[in-house]
Every structure is written in structure tokens, then in C-alpha cells.
Amino acid sequence: MKFSIESLYTWYRNLLRNPKYRWWVILGTAVYLLSPIDIAPDFLPIVGQVDDVLLLTLLITEVSGLVIEGFKARQGNVDPQATNSTVDSTGTGNTVIDVDAVSVKQ
């Protein structure tokens, strides 16, 4: 198993999108940001703040996306079951579905 920042980001986003774990992840992230215990301590010159800033940015982005999706669903503009889909800009009326693909090497 190869570890990368992208795989960690994908795992975090998928947890946020799962309604079962969404609020636990948001609460856990907020506790981590407020906690004095960090992966990279804040007294290190640049590295200490980078992990907090990246996690805070990711949290704000995902939570604001969830709030916007919820607002649109309440207004009736978006089907809550159809996430990550958009109408094709060519005017043909086709629906484009964004898919996270993983390449498998043998």
C-alpha cells in the first residue's frame, strides 16, 4: 500500500461524505485543531503551522460544500441523491458524472 497525501485527502473527503461519520469527522477535526497535541508541533517554525492550515482549509471547504448542497436540496434545485453530476455545457442535455478513478497496475 502506497501512502500519499492524495490518498489521505481522498480518505478524509469520503469520510465527510458518509452521513454516518460526517459529524464525528468534523468534531474530531475541530478537536485536533484546538488541541495542543499535533503531528507537527506548532513551535517548529513553518512546518508546525502548515498541517493546521491545510486541515483547516480542507475542513472549511468540505463543510461549506455540504452546507451549500443542503441549502440547494432544501430549495429544490438539486436532487440530493445525485451528487457530483452536472449538465453538459454543449446544450445537448446530457448529464456528466464526475468519477474518482484509480488505475490498477498488474
Protein backbone atom coordinates (compact mmCIF):
# COMPACT_ATOMS: atom_id res chain seq x y z
CA MET A 1 0.00 0.00 0.00
CA LYS A 2 1.44 3.29 -1.08
CA PHE A 3 0.96 6.26 1.26
CA SER A 4 0.47 9.67 -0.24
CA ILE A 5 -1.13 12.97 0.60
CA GLU A 6 -3.66 12.42 -2.17
CA SER A 7 -4.81 9.09 -0.70
CA LEU A 8 -5.14 10.69 2.75
CA TYR A 9 -7.14 13.57 1.24
CA THR A 10 -9.43 11.14 -0.63
CA TRP A 11 -9.99 9.10 2.53
CA TYR A 12 -10.87 12.24 4.51
CA ARG A 13 -13.28 13.52 1.86
CA ASN A 14 -15.01 10.15 1.61
CA LEU A 15 -15.48 10.09 5.39
CA LEU A 16 -17.03 13.56 5.27
CA ARG A 17 -19.43 12.50 2.53
CA ASN A 18 -20.63 9.48 4.53
CA PRO A 19 -23.62 10.66 6.60
CA LYS A 20 -22.87 8.07 9.27
CA TYR A 21 -19.44 9.55 10.08
CA ARG A 22 -19.76 13.17 8.88
CA TRP A 23 -20.30 14.91 12.21
CA TRP A 24 -17.78 12.71 14.03
CA VAL A 25 -15.10 13.68 11.50
CA ILE A 26 -15.99 17.37 11.73
CA LEU A 27 -15.92 17.23 15.53
CA GLY A 28 -12.64 15.26 15.54
CA THR A 29 -11.01 17.73 13.16
CA ALA A 30 -12.09 20.69 15.29
CA VAL A 31 -10.73 18.98 18.43
CA TYR A 32 -7.43 18.28 16.65
CA LEU A 33 -7.13 21.92 15.58
CA LEU A 34 -7.78 23.18 19.11
CA SER A 35 -5.66 20.54 20.82
CA PRO A 36 -2.06 21.31 21.85
CA ILE A 37 -1.05 17.84 20.59
CA ASP A 38 -0.18 17.89 16.87
CA ILE A 39 1.54 15.70 14.33
CA ALA A 40 3.90 18.61 13.70
CA PRO A 41 4.18 20.76 16.86
CA ASP A 42 3.42 24.45 16.41
CA PHE A 43 6.74 25.60 17.87
CA LEU A 44 8.53 24.34 14.70
CA PRO A 45 8.94 27.44 12.50
CA ILE A 46 6.89 26.70 9.36
CA VAL A 47 6.02 23.02 9.45
CA GLY A 48 4.09 23.40 12.70
CA GLN A 49 1.53 25.73 11.21
CA VAL A 50 1.30 24.09 7.78
CA ASP A 51 -0.56 20.98 9.00
CA ASP A 52 -3.07 23.11 10.90
CA VAL A 53 -3.65 25.45 7.95
CA LEU A 54 -4.08 22.58 5.48
CA LEU A 55 -6.51 20.75 7.73
CA LEU A 56 -8.47 23.93 8.47
CA THR A 57 -8.68 24.75 4.76
CA LEU A 58 -9.87 21.26 3.91
CA LEU A 59 -12.44 21.31 6.73
CA ILE A 60 -13.85 24.71 5.72
CA THR A 61 -14.02 23.70 2.06
CA GLU A 62 -15.84 20.45 2.72
CA VAL A 63 -18.23 21.82 5.34
CA SER A 64 -19.14 24.80 3.15
CA GLY A 65 -19.76 22.38 0.26
CA LEU A 66 -22.05 20.30 2.47
CA VAL A 67 -23.92 23.42 3.60
CA ILE A 68 -24.37 24.62 0.02
CA GLU A 69 -25.60 21.18 -1.12
CA GLY A 70 -28.05 21.07 1.79
CA PHE A 71 -29.31 24.56 1.01
CA LYS A 72 -29.82 23.70 -2.66
CA ALA A 73 -31.60 20.47 -1.74
CA ARG A 74 -33.98 22.37 0.55
CA GLN A 75 -34.69 24.88 -2.21
CA GLY A 76 -35.45 22.04 -4.63
CA ASN A 77 -32.67 22.95 -7.06
CA VAL A 78 -30.68 19.72 -6.70
CA ASP A 79 -31.60 16.09 -6.29
CA PRO A 80 -29.93 15.04 -3.00
CA GLN A 81 -29.16 11.59 -4.44
CA ALA A 82 -27.33 12.97 -7.50
CA THR A 83 -24.08 14.41 -6.20
CA ASN A 84 -21.09 15.34 -8.40
CA SER A 85 -23.20 15.48 -11.57
CA THR A 86 -23.56 18.46 -13.89
CA VAL A 87 -25.36 19.20 -17.14
CA ASP A 88 -23.21 19.12 -20.26
CA SER A 89 -22.30 22.61 -21.46
CA THR A 90 -22.79 21.68 -25.14
CA GLY A 91 -26.54 22.15 -24.84
CA THR A 92 -27.35 18.52 -25.68
CA GLY A 93 -28.92 17.91 -22.27
CA ASN A 94 -26.56 15.09 -21.37
CA THR A 95 -25.52 14.62 -17.77
CA VAL A 96 -21.83 14.45 -16.95
CA ILE A 97 -20.88 12.42 -13.90
CA ASP A 98 -17.55 13.10 -12.19
CA VAL A 99 -15.91 9.83 -11.11
CA ASP A 100 -12.81 9.29 -8.98
CA ALA A 101 -10.87 6.67 -10.93
CA VAL A 102 -7.99 4.57 -9.69
CA SER A 103 -5.55 2.94 -12.06
CA VAL A 104 -4.67 -0.67 -11.37
CA LYS A 105 -1.27 -1.90 -12.49
CA GLN A 106 -0.55 -5.59 -12.85
